[in-house]
Amino acid sequence: MEFYEKLKEWMHSDSVFPEDIPNIDLYMDQITTFLEEQLKNTKRYEDDKIFTKTMINNYSKNHLLPPSVKKKYTKNHMILLIYIYYLKSFLSISDIQHILSPLTDMFYEDDKGLSFYQIYKKVFESEHDYTQHIQNSILETYQKAETTFDDLPEGEEKQLLQQFSFITLLGYDIYLRKKVMEQMIDQMYHDPKEDTHKQKKK
């Protein structure tokens, strides 16, 4: 199937394998260069930047990322940046902060029992095991979209409408999943102090 081959190509994306994360502390330039090389095929446009110095400094200012130690960044900094990179494509910085802050508080120091690296490795393995399921789900959506507008004769109009149906079905799936994520974030990581602060403003 032509679409199946295209889908496999489109779903192929660079990942930072746990074993590839450097064991030594890195300077800012070394981090941006490393992540640029590791994640270059995730970019939509060639001139997009994975990370810039300004981005990383802003993440530190906004408490998404612990400050560097003597201008060097650890393996744990690198792991946090990888999560930020993926999450920021569909979640707000505020939501990402709510998700990552408890992890940073509990596990950032490697003497806590379960290390940041072990967490990253387990989640990485789960994601890659799940890829085939996602691919099958997209194929099912494609097949459903192909059944829409069956009453139209074969031609450019029918093809356009079926493509539109496929894209909107995928979009609806993303919308619902994002909504579930946001509701979970609000319930699991919500700070009651924020409500008090909002009430005072009123």
N, C-alpha and C. Protein backbone atom coordinates (compact mmCIF):
# COMPACT_ATOMS: atom_id res chain seq x y z
N MET A 1 0.85 -1.19 0.00
CA MET A 1 0.00 0.00 0.00
C MET A 1 0.89 1.25 0.00
N GLU A 2 0.61 2.15 -0.93
CA GLU A 2 1.45 3.35 -1.07
C GLU A 2 1.42 4.21 0.19
N PHE A 3 0.21 4.40 0.77
CA PHE A 3 0.12 5.24 1.96
C PHE A 3 0.87 4.62 3.13
N TYR A 4 0.81 3.30 3.25
CA TYR A 4 1.49 2.61 4.35
C TYR A 4 3.00 2.89 4.30
N GLU A 5 3.57 2.87 3.11
CA GLU A 5 5.00 3.15 2.97
C GLU A 5 5.30 4.60 3.32
N LYS A 6 4.43 5.50 2.90
CA LYS A 6 4.60 6.92 3.24
C LYS A 6 4.52 7.13 4.75
N LEU A 7 3.56 6.45 5.37
CA LEU A 7 3.35 6.60 6.80
C LEU A 7 4.58 6.15 7.58
N LYS A 8 5.15 5.04 7.19
CA LYS A 8 6.36 4.55 7.86
C LYS A 8 7.47 5.57 7.75
N GLU A 9 7.58 6.20 6.58
CA GLU A 9 8.62 7.22 6.36
C GLU A 9 8.33 8.45 7.22
N TRP A 10 7.06 8.89 7.24
CA TRP A 10 6.69 10.08 8.01
C TRP A 10 6.85 9.87 9.51
N MET A 11 6.62 8.66 9.97
CA MET A 11 6.68 8.38 11.41
C MET A 11 8.11 8.14 11.88
N HIS A 12 9.02 7.95 10.94
CA HIS A 12 10.42 7.78 11.35
C HIS A 12 10.94 9.11 11.86
N SER A 13 11.40 9.11 13.08
CA SER A 13 11.86 10.35 13.69
C SER A 13 13.08 10.08 14.55
N ASP A 14 13.97 11.04 14.59
CA ASP A 14 15.15 10.88 15.45
C ASP A 14 14.73 10.85 16.92
N SER A 15 15.43 10.07 17.68
CA SER A 15 15.24 10.02 19.13
C SER A 15 16.61 10.04 19.78
N VAL A 16 16.64 10.51 21.00
CA VAL A 16 17.90 10.47 21.75
C VAL A 16 17.88 9.19 22.59
N PHE A 17 18.61 8.19 22.14
CA PHE A 17 18.66 6.92 22.87
C PHE A 17 19.33 7.15 24.23
N PRO A 18 18.81 6.49 25.26
CA PRO A 18 19.38 6.69 26.61
C PRO A 18 20.89 6.51 26.65
N GLU A 19 21.38 5.50 25.95
CA GLU A 19 22.82 5.22 25.99
C GLU A 19 23.65 6.27 25.27
N ASP A 20 23.00 7.13 24.46
CA ASP A 20 23.73 8.17 23.73
C ASP A 20 23.88 9.47 24.52
N ILE A 21 23.16 9.58 25.63
CA ILE A 21 23.26 10.81 26.44
C ILE A 21 24.62 10.84 27.12
N PRO A 22 25.39 11.89 26.92
CA PRO A 22 26.75 11.96 27.49
C PRO A 22 26.76 11.82 29.01
N ASN A 23 27.77 11.14 29.50
CA ASN A 23 27.93 10.95 30.94
C ASN A 23 28.72 12.08 31.59
N ILE A 24 29.19 13.00 30.79
CA ILE A 24 29.98 14.11 31.32
C ILE A 24 29.18 15.40 31.23
N ASP A 25 29.50 16.36 32.08
CA ASP A 25 28.84 17.66 32.04
C ASP A 25 29.29 18.43 30.79
N LEU A 26 28.36 19.19 30.23
CA LEU A 26 28.64 19.90 28.98
C LEU A 26 28.38 21.40 29.12
N TYR A 27 29.11 22.18 28.33
CA TYR A 27 28.83 23.61 28.23
C TYR A 27 27.63 23.81 27.31
N MET A 28 27.07 25.00 27.36
CA MET A 28 25.88 25.33 26.58
C MET A 28 26.06 25.01 25.09
N ASP A 29 27.16 25.44 24.50
CA ASP A 29 27.39 25.19 23.07
C ASP A 29 27.42 23.70 22.76
N GLN A 30 27.99 22.92 23.66
CA GLN A 30 28.08 21.48 23.45
C GLN A 30 26.69 20.83 23.52
N ILE A 31 25.87 21.32 24.42
CA ILE A 31 24.50 20.78 24.54
C ILE A 31 23.69 21.08 23.28
N THR A 32 23.70 22.34 22.84
CA THR A 32 22.91 22.71 21.66
C THR A 32 23.39 21.95 20.42
N THR A 33 24.69 21.78 20.30
CA THR A 33 25.25 21.04 19.15
C THR A 33 24.83 19.56 19.20
N PHE A 34 24.92 18.97 20.38
CA PHE A 34 24.56 17.56 20.54
C PHE A 34 23.09 17.33 20.21
N LEU A 35 22.20 18.14 20.77
CA LEU A 35 20.77 17.95 20.55
C LEU A 35 20.37 18.28 19.11
N GLU A 36 21.05 19.25 18.52
CA GLU A 36 20.79 19.59 17.11
C GLU A 36 21.09 18.39 16.22
N GLU A 37 22.17 17.72 16.49
CA GLU A 37 22.57 16.55 15.70
C GLU A 37 21.64 15.37 15.96
N GLN A 38 21.30 15.14 17.21
CA GLN A 38 20.47 14.00 17.58
C GLN A 38 19.03 14.12 17.07
N LEU A 39 18.52 15.35 17.04
CA LEU A 39 17.10 15.56 16.74
C LEU A 39 16.84 16.27 15.41
N LYS A 40 17.85 16.34 14.57
CA LYS A 40 17.72 17.13 13.34
C LYS A 40 16.59 16.66 12.43
N ASN A 41 16.28 15.36 12.44
CA ASN A 41 15.21 14.86 11.57
C ASN A 41 13.81 15.05 12.13
N THR A 42 13.73 15.64 13.32
CA THR A 42 12.40 15.96 13.87
C THR A 42 11.94 17.35 13.41
N LYS A 43 12.85 18.09 12.80
CA LYS A 43 12.52 19.46 12.38
C LYS A 43 11.64 19.43 11.13
N ARG A 44 10.68 20.33 11.07
CA ARG A 44 9.84 20.44 9.88
C ARG A 44 10.58 21.16 8.76
N TYR A 45 11.29 22.24 9.14
CA TYR A 45 12.05 23.01 8.16
C TYR A 45 13.53 22.97 8.53
N GLU A 46 14.36 22.96 7.52
CA GLU A 46 15.80 22.79 7.73
C GLU A 46 16.40 23.87 8.61
N ASP A 47 15.90 25.10 8.51
CA ASP A 47 16.51 26.20 9.27
C ASP A 47 15.90 26.36 10.68
N ASP A 48 14.98 25.44 11.06
CA ASP A 48 14.46 25.45 12.43
C ASP A 48 15.59 25.11 13.40
N LYS A 49 15.49 25.65 14.60
CA LYS A 49 16.49 25.37 15.63
C LYS A 49 15.87 24.46 16.70
N ILE A 50 16.60 23.44 17.09
CA ILE A 50 16.14 22.56 18.17
C ILE A 50 16.15 23.36 19.47
N PHE A 51 17.30 23.93 19.80
CA PHE A 51 17.45 24.79 20.97
C PHE A 51 18.43 25.91 20.65
N THR A 52 18.21 27.04 21.28
CA THR A 52 19.19 28.13 21.22
C THR A 52 19.59 28.47 22.65
N LYS A 53 20.66 29.23 22.78
CA LYS A 53 21.11 29.66 24.12
C LYS A 53 20.00 30.44 24.83
N THR A 54 19.31 31.29 24.06
CA THR A 54 18.24 32.11 24.63
C THR A 54 17.12 31.23 25.19
N MET A 55 16.74 30.21 24.42
CA MET A 55 15.69 29.29 24.88
C MET A 55 16.08 28.65 26.21
N ILE A 56 17.29 28.11 26.27
CA ILE A 56 17.74 27.40 27.46
C ILE A 56 17.82 28.35 28.66
N ASN A 57 18.31 29.55 28.43
CA ASN A 57 18.37 30.55 29.52
C ASN A 57 16.97 30.90 30.02
N ASN A 58 16.02 31.00 29.08
CA ASN A 58 14.64 31.31 29.47
C ASN A 58 14.01 30.17 30.27
N TYR A 59 14.33 28.94 29.91
CA TYR A 59 13.81 27.79 30.66
C TYR A 59 14.33 27.83 32.10
N SER A 60 15.58 28.24 32.25
CA SER A 60 16.14 28.36 33.61
C SER A 60 15.47 29.48 34.38
N LYS A 61 15.24 30.62 33.70
CA LYS A 61 14.59 31.76 34.36
C LYS A 61 13.18 31.41 34.79
N ASN A 62 12.49 30.59 33.98
CA ASN A 62 11.11 30.20 34.28
C ASN A 62 11.01 28.94 35.13
N HIS A 63 12.17 28.51 35.67
CA HIS A 63 12.23 27.37 36.60
C HIS A 63 11.81 26.04 35.96
N LEU A 64 11.93 25.96 34.65
CA LEU A 64 11.72 24.69 33.97
C LEU A 64 12.98 23.83 34.05
N LEU A 65 14.09 24.52 34.18
CA LEU A 65 15.40 23.87 34.16
C LEU A 65 16.23 24.39 35.33
N PRO A 66 16.78 23.50 36.15
CA PRO A 66 17.67 23.97 37.23
C PRO A 66 18.86 24.72 36.64
N PRO A 67 19.42 25.66 37.37
CA PRO A 67 20.56 26.43 36.84
C PRO A 67 21.77 25.53 36.59
N SER A 68 22.61 25.96 35.67
CA SER A 68 23.84 25.22 35.38
C SER A 68 24.78 25.31 36.58
N VAL A 69 25.72 24.39 36.62
CA VAL A 69 26.73 24.38 37.69
C VAL A 69 28.07 24.79 37.08
N LYS A 70 28.52 25.98 37.44
CA LYS A 70 29.76 26.52 36.87
C LYS A 70 29.70 26.50 35.34
N LYS A 71 28.53 26.94 34.81
CA LYS A 71 28.27 27.05 33.36
C LYS A 71 28.25 25.70 32.64
N LYS A 72 28.15 24.62 33.41
CA LYS A 72 28.06 23.30 32.80
C LYS A 72 26.71 22.65 33.12
N TYR A 73 26.27 21.81 32.19
CA TYR A 73 24.98 21.15 32.32
C TYR A 73 25.17 19.64 32.42
N THR A 74 24.39 19.03 33.30
CA THR A 74 24.54 17.60 33.58
C THR A 74 23.66 16.76 32.66
N LYS A 75 23.79 15.45 32.82
CA LYS A 75 22.94 14.51 32.09
C LYS A 75 21.46 14.78 32.40
N ASN A 76 21.17 15.13 33.65
CA ASN A 76 19.78 15.40 34.04
C ASN A 76 19.24 16.65 33.36
N HIS A 77 20.08 17.66 33.19
CA HIS A 77 19.68 18.83 32.41
C HIS A 77 19.29 18.41 30.99
N MET A 78 20.10 17.56 30.41
CA MET A 78 19.88 17.10 29.04
C MET A 78 18.54 16.37 28.92
N ILE A 79 18.25 15.51 29.90
CA ILE A 79 16.99 14.76 29.87
C ILE A 79 15.80 15.72 29.97
N LEU A 80 15.88 16.69 30.85
CA LEU A 80 14.80 17.68 30.97
C LEU A 80 14.60 18.44 29.66
N LEU A 81 15.68 18.81 29.02
CA LEU A 81 15.58 19.54 27.74
C LEU A 81 14.91 18.69 26.67
N ILE A 82 15.20 17.41 26.66
CA ILE A 82 14.57 16.51 25.67
C ILE A 82 13.06 16.46 25.90
N TYR A 83 12.66 16.34 27.17
CA TYR A 83 11.22 16.33 27.47
C TYR A 83 10.58 17.67 27.09
N ILE A 84 11.24 18.76 27.41
CA ILE A 84 10.71 20.08 27.06
C ILE A 84 10.52 20.20 25.56
N TYR A 85 11.50 19.71 24.80
CA TYR A 85 11.44 19.81 23.34
C TYR A 85 10.20 19.13 22.78
N TYR A 86 9.92 17.93 23.24
CA TYR A 86 8.76 17.20 22.72
C TYR A 86 7.44 17.77 23.24
N LEU A 87 7.40 18.10 24.52
CA LEU A 87 6.14 18.55 25.12
C LEU A 87 5.70 19.93 24.63
N LYS A 88 6.68 20.80 24.31
CA LYS A 88 6.30 22.18 23.95
C LYS A 88 5.58 22.26 22.60
N SER A 89 5.60 21.18 21.83
CA SER A 89 4.89 21.21 20.54
C SER A 89 3.37 21.11 20.70
N PHE A 90 2.91 20.70 21.90
CA PHE A 90 1.46 20.60 22.09
C PHE A 90 0.98 21.04 23.47
N LEU A 91 1.91 21.43 24.36
CA LEU A 91 1.51 21.92 25.68
C LEU A 91 2.12 23.29 25.94
N SER A 92 1.46 24.06 26.78
CA SER A 92 1.99 25.37 27.15
C SER A 92 3.19 25.20 28.09
N ILE A 93 4.01 26.24 28.17
CA ILE A 93 5.16 26.22 29.07
C ILE A 93 4.69 26.03 30.51
N SER A 94 3.56 26.64 30.86
CA SER A 94 3.01 26.50 32.21
C SER A 94 2.66 25.04 32.50
N ASP A 95 2.03 24.36 31.54
CA ASP A 95 1.68 22.95 31.73
C ASP A 95 2.93 22.08 31.85
N ILE A 96 3.92 22.37 31.03
CA ILE A 96 5.17 21.60 31.09
C ILE A 96 5.83 21.77 32.45
N GLN A 97 5.77 22.99 32.96
CA GLN A 97 6.35 23.26 34.28
C GLN A 97 5.62 22.45 35.36
N HIS A 98 4.29 22.37 35.26
CA HIS A 98 3.51 21.59 36.23
C HIS A 98 3.90 20.12 36.18
N ILE A 99 4.18 19.60 34.98
CA ILE A 99 4.53 18.18 34.83
C ILE A 99 5.94 17.89 35.33
N LEU A 100 6.88 18.75 34.94
CA LEU A 100 8.28 18.45 35.20
C LEU A 100 8.75 18.84 36.61
N SER A 101 8.15 19.85 37.20
CA SER A 101 8.61 20.32 38.52
C SER A 101 8.57 19.24 39.59
N PRO A 102 7.47 18.46 39.71
CA PRO A 102 7.47 17.40 40.73
C PRO A 102 8.55 16.35 40.48
N LEU A 103 8.80 16.02 39.21
CA LEU A 103 9.86 15.06 38.89
C LEU A 103 11.22 15.61 39.30
N THR A 104 11.42 16.89 39.00
CA THR A 104 12.69 17.52 39.36
C THR A 104 12.87 17.54 40.88
N ASP A 105 11.78 17.87 41.59
CA ASP A 105 11.85 17.92 43.06
C ASP A 105 12.16 16.55 43.66
N MET A 106 11.58 15.51 43.09
CA MET A 106 11.70 14.17 43.69
C MET A 106 12.93 13.38 43.23
N PHE A 107 13.29 13.55 41.94
CA PHE A 107 14.27 12.61 41.37
C PHE A 107 15.51 13.26 40.76
N TYR A 108 15.58 14.60 40.80
CA TYR A 108 16.70 15.25 40.11
C TYR A 108 18.05 14.85 40.71
N GLU A 109 18.09 14.76 42.02
CA GLU A 109 19.32 14.29 42.68
C GLU A 109 19.37 12.78 42.58
N ASP A 110 20.49 12.25 42.05
CA ASP A 110 20.55 10.82 41.76
C ASP A 110 20.68 9.92 42.98
N ASP A 111 20.66 10.52 44.17
CA ASP A 111 20.72 9.70 45.38
C ASP A 111 19.32 9.38 45.92
N LYS A 112 18.29 9.66 45.09
CA LYS A 112 16.91 9.47 45.53
C LYS A 112 16.41 8.04 45.33
N GLY A 113 17.25 7.14 44.82
CA GLY A 113 16.82 5.76 44.57
C GLY A 113 16.62 5.52 43.09
N LEU A 114 15.58 6.15 42.52
CA LEU A 114 15.32 6.03 41.08
C LEU A 114 15.91 7.26 40.40
N SER A 115 16.85 7.05 39.52
CA SER A 115 17.53 8.19 38.90
C SER A 115 16.74 8.74 37.72
N PHE A 116 17.03 9.98 37.35
CA PHE A 116 16.43 10.61 36.18
C PHE A 116 16.69 9.75 34.93
N TYR A 117 17.90 9.23 34.85
CA TYR A 117 18.28 8.41 33.70
C TYR A 117 17.41 7.14 33.63
N GLN A 118 17.17 6.49 34.76
CA GLN A 118 16.33 5.29 34.78
C GLN A 118 14.90 5.60 34.36
N ILE A 119 14.39 6.76 34.80
CA ILE A 119 13.05 7.18 34.41
C ILE A 119 13.00 7.40 32.90
N TYR A 120 13.99 8.12 32.38
CA TYR A 120 14.04 8.39 30.95
C TYR A 120 14.08 7.09 30.14
N LYS A 121 14.90 6.15 30.60
CA LYS A 121 15.05 4.87 29.89
C LYS A 121 13.74 4.09 29.86
N LYS A 122 13.04 4.04 30.98
CA LYS A 122 11.77 3.31 31.05
C LYS A 122 10.71 3.95 30.14
N VAL A 123 10.62 5.27 30.20
CA VAL A 123 9.63 5.98 29.37
C VAL A 123 9.99 5.83 27.89
N PHE A 124 11.26 5.93 27.58
CA PHE A 124 11.74 5.77 26.20
C PHE A 124 11.33 4.40 25.65
N GLU A 125 11.55 3.36 26.42
CA GLU A 125 11.20 2.00 25.98
C GLU A 125 9.69 1.86 25.77
N SER A 126 8.91 2.46 26.67
CA SER A 126 7.45 2.40 26.53
C SER A 126 6.98 3.10 25.27
N GLU A 127 7.57 4.27 25.00
CA GLU A 127 7.19 5.03 23.80
C GLU A 127 7.47 4.23 22.53
N HIS A 128 8.63 3.61 22.48
CA HIS A 128 9.00 2.89 21.26
C HIS A 128 8.19 1.60 21.10
N ASP A 129 7.80 0.99 22.20
CA ASP A 129 6.91 -0.18 22.12
C ASP A 129 5.53 0.23 21.61
N TYR A 130 5.17 1.49 21.85
CA TYR A 130 3.83 2.00 21.51
C TYR A 130 3.73 2.50 20.06
N THR A 131 4.85 2.65 19.40
CA THR A 131 4.87 3.24 18.06
C THR A 131 4.02 2.45 17.07
N GLN A 132 4.11 1.13 17.11
CA GLN A 132 3.34 0.30 16.18
C GLN A 132 1.83 0.48 16.39
N HIS A 133 1.45 0.61 17.65
CA HIS A 133 0.02 0.83 17.96
C HIS A 133 -0.45 2.15 17.35
N ILE A 134 0.36 3.19 17.47
CA ILE A 134 0.01 4.50 16.90
C ILE A 134 -0.11 4.39 15.38
N GLN A 135 0.85 3.69 14.76
CA GLN A 135 0.84 3.52 13.31
C GLN A 135 -0.44 2.81 12.86
N ASN A 136 -0.82 1.77 13.58
CA ASN A 136 -2.04 1.03 13.25
C ASN A 136 -3.28 1.90 13.40
N SER A 137 -3.27 2.74 14.43
CA SER A 137 -4.40 3.65 14.66
C SER A 137 -4.54 4.66 13.52
N ILE A 138 -3.41 5.18 13.05
CA ILE A 138 -3.44 6.15 11.93
C ILE A 138 -3.92 5.46 10.66
N LEU A 139 -3.48 4.23 10.44
CA LEU A 139 -3.94 3.47 9.27
C LEU A 139 -5.46 3.25 9.32
N GLU A 140 -5.95 2.95 10.50
CA GLU A 140 -7.40 2.75 10.67
C GLU A 140 -8.16 4.04 10.36
N THR A 141 -7.61 5.17 10.80
CA THR A 141 -8.23 6.47 10.51
C THR A 141 -8.22 6.75 9.01
N TYR A 142 -7.12 6.41 8.37
CA TYR A 142 -7.00 6.60 6.91
C TYR A 142 -8.06 5.78 6.17
N GLN A 143 -8.24 4.55 6.60
CA GLN A 143 -9.22 3.68 5.95
C GLN A 143 -10.64 4.20 6.17
N LYS A 144 -10.89 4.75 7.37
CA LYS A 144 -12.21 5.33 7.65
C LYS A 144 -12.46 6.54 6.75
N ALA A 145 -11.43 7.39 6.59
CA ALA A 145 -11.57 8.58 5.75
C ALA A 145 -11.83 8.22 4.30
N GLU A 146 -11.26 7.10 3.86
CA GLU A 146 -11.45 6.66 2.48
C GLU A 146 -12.89 6.26 2.19
N THR A 147 -13.66 5.93 3.22
CA THR A 147 -15.06 5.53 3.03
C THR A 147 -16.00 6.74 2.98
N THR A 148 -15.47 7.92 3.34
CA THR A 148 -16.33 9.12 3.29
C THR A 148 -16.47 9.57 1.83
N PHE A 149 -17.59 10.23 1.56
CA PHE A 149 -17.88 10.75 0.22
C PHE A 149 -17.86 9.64 -0.84
N ASP A 150 -18.31 8.45 -0.42
CA ASP A 150 -18.36 7.32 -1.37
C ASP A 150 -19.35 7.56 -2.50
N ASP A 151 -20.31 8.46 -2.24
CA ASP A 151 -21.34 8.71 -3.25
C ASP A 151 -20.82 9.58 -4.39
N LEU A 152 -19.63 10.14 -4.24
CA LEU A 152 -19.07 10.99 -5.30
C LEU A 152 -18.31 10.15 -6.32
N PRO A 153 -18.32 10.58 -7.58
CA PRO A 153 -17.54 9.86 -8.60
C PRO A 153 -16.04 10.02 -8.36
N GLU A 154 -15.28 9.06 -8.82
CA GLU A 154 -13.83 9.15 -8.68
C GLU A 154 -13.32 10.39 -9.39
N GLY A 155 -12.38 11.07 -8.76
CA GLY A 155 -11.82 12.27 -9.38
C GLY A 155 -11.16 13.16 -8.35
N GLU A 156 -10.77 14.34 -8.79
CA GLU A 156 -10.01 15.26 -7.95
C GLU A 156 -10.80 15.74 -6.74
N GLU A 157 -12.10 16.01 -6.94
CA GLU A 157 -12.92 16.52 -5.84
C GLU A 157 -13.04 15.48 -4.72
N LYS A 158 -13.32 14.23 -5.11
CA LYS A 158 -13.46 13.17 -4.12
C LYS A 158 -12.15 12.96 -3.36
N GLN A 159 -11.05 12.96 -4.07
CA GLN A 159 -9.74 12.78 -3.44
C GLN A 159 -9.44 13.89 -2.45
N LEU A 160 -9.75 15.14 -2.86
CA LEU A 160 -9.52 16.29 -1.98
C LEU A 160 -10.35 16.18 -0.70
N LEU A 161 -11.63 15.81 -0.83
CA LEU A 161 -12.51 15.72 0.32
C LEU A 161 -12.11 14.57 1.25
N GLN A 162 -11.64 13.47 0.69
CA GLN A 162 -11.19 12.35 1.51
C GLN A 162 -9.92 12.71 2.27
N GLN A 163 -9.03 13.45 1.61
CA GLN A 163 -7.82 13.92 2.30
C GLN A 163 -8.18 14.88 3.43
N PHE A 164 -9.15 15.77 3.14
CA PHE A 164 -9.60 16.71 4.16
C PHE A 164 -10.21 15.95 5.34
N SER A 165 -11.02 14.94 5.05
CA SER A 165 -11.63 14.13 6.09
C SER A 165 -10.56 13.45 6.95
N PHE A 166 -9.53 12.92 6.31
CA PHE A 166 -8.45 12.23 7.02
C PHE A 166 -7.72 13.19 7.97
N ILE A 167 -7.39 14.38 7.46
CA ILE A 167 -6.67 15.36 8.28
C ILE A 167 -7.53 15.82 9.45
N THR A 168 -8.82 16.06 9.22
CA THR A 168 -9.69 16.52 10.31
C THR A 168 -9.92 15.42 11.35
N LEU A 169 -10.00 14.16 10.91
CA LEU A 169 -10.14 13.05 11.86
C LEU A 169 -8.89 12.93 12.74
N LEU A 170 -7.72 13.08 12.12
CA LEU A 170 -6.47 13.07 12.89
C LEU A 170 -6.46 14.25 13.86
N GLY A 171 -6.91 15.41 13.38
CA GLY A 171 -6.96 16.60 14.23
C GLY A 171 -7.90 16.43 15.41
N TYR A 172 -9.03 15.78 15.17
CA TYR A 172 -10.00 15.53 16.24
C TYR A 172 -9.40 14.60 17.29
N ASP A 173 -8.66 13.61 16.84
CA ASP A 173 -7.98 12.69 17.75
C ASP A 173 -6.98 13.44 18.62
N ILE A 174 -6.18 14.32 17.99
CA ILE A 174 -5.20 15.12 18.73
C ILE A 174 -5.90 16.04 19.73
N TYR A 175 -6.98 16.67 19.28
CA TYR A 175 -7.74 17.60 20.13
C TYR A 175 -8.23 16.91 21.40
N LEU A 176 -8.81 15.70 21.25
CA LEU A 176 -9.34 14.99 22.41
C LEU A 176 -8.23 14.52 23.34
N ARG A 177 -7.13 14.03 22.77
CA ARG A 177 -6.01 13.58 23.60
C ARG A 177 -5.40 14.76 24.37
N LYS A 178 -5.28 15.90 23.68
CA LYS A 178 -4.74 17.10 24.33
C LYS A 178 -5.66 17.56 25.46
N LYS A 179 -6.95 17.48 25.21
CA LYS A 179 -7.94 17.87 26.23
C LYS A 179 -7.81 16.97 27.46
N VAL A 180 -7.65 15.67 27.25
CA VAL A 180 -7.47 14.73 28.36
C VAL A 180 -6.20 15.07 29.14
N MET A 181 -5.11 15.35 28.41
CA MET A 181 -3.84 15.71 29.05
C MET A 181 -3.99 16.95 29.92
N GLU A 182 -4.65 17.97 29.36
CA GLU A 182 -4.82 19.23 30.10
C GLU A 182 -5.67 19.03 31.35
N GLN A 183 -6.73 18.20 31.25
CA GLN A 183 -7.58 17.93 32.41
C GLN A 183 -6.78 17.18 33.48
N MET A 184 -5.95 16.23 33.06
CA MET A 184 -5.11 15.49 34.01
C MET A 184 -4.13 16.41 34.71
N ILE A 185 -3.51 17.31 33.93
CA ILE A 185 -2.56 18.27 34.50
C ILE A 185 -3.26 19.16 35.53
N ASP A 186 -4.46 19.62 35.19
CA ASP A 186 -5.21 20.49 36.11
C ASP A 186 -5.55 19.76 37.40
N GLN A 187 -5.89 18.47 37.31
CA GLN A 187 -6.27 17.72 38.50
C GLN A 187 -5.07 17.24 39.31
N MET A 188 -4.03 16.77 38.62
CA MET A 188 -2.90 16.15 39.32
C MET A 188 -1.88 17.16 39.83
N TYR A 189 -1.69 18.24 39.07
CA TYR A 189 -0.61 19.17 39.40
C TYR A 189 -1.11 20.55 39.78
N HIS A 190 -2.41 20.66 39.95
CA HIS A 190 -2.98 21.99 40.21
C HIS A 190 -2.58 22.48 41.60
N ASP A 191 -2.17 23.72 41.66
CA ASP A 191 -1.78 24.34 42.93
C ASP A 191 -2.95 25.15 43.46
N PRO A 192 -3.53 24.77 44.61
CA PRO A 192 -4.68 25.51 45.18
C PRO A 192 -4.37 26.99 45.40
N LYS A 193 -3.09 27.33 45.57
CA LYS A 193 -2.72 28.73 45.78
C LYS A 193 -3.08 29.59 44.57
N GLU A 194 -3.08 28.96 43.38
CA GLU A 194 -3.41 29.71 42.15
C GLU A 194 -4.85 30.20 42.21
N ASP A 195 -5.78 29.36 42.76
CA ASP A 195 -7.17 29.77 42.88
C ASP A 195 -7.31 30.96 43.82
N THR A 196 -6.57 30.90 44.93
CA THR A 196 -6.61 32.00 45.91
C THR A 196 -6.12 33.29 45.29
N HIS A 197 -5.03 33.15 44.49
CA HIS A 197 -4.44 34.30 43.83
C HIS A 197 -5.43 34.91 42.83
N LYS A 198 -6.15 34.04 42.09
CA LYS A 198 -7.13 34.51 41.10
C LYS A 198 -8.29 35.20 41.79
N GLN A 199 -8.75 34.64 42.93
CA GLN A 199 -9.86 35.24 43.67
C GLN A 199 -9.50 36.62 44.19
N LYS A 200 -8.27 36.78 44.66
CA LYS A 200 -7.81 38.08 45.16
C LYS A 200 -7.81 39.11 44.04
N LYS A 201 -7.44 38.66 42.82
CA LYS A 201 -7.39 39.58 41.68
C LYS A 201 -8.78 40.10 41.35
N LYS A 202 -9.80 39.20 41.51
CA LYS A 202 -11.17 39.60 41.22
C LYS A 202 -11.66 40.63 42.24
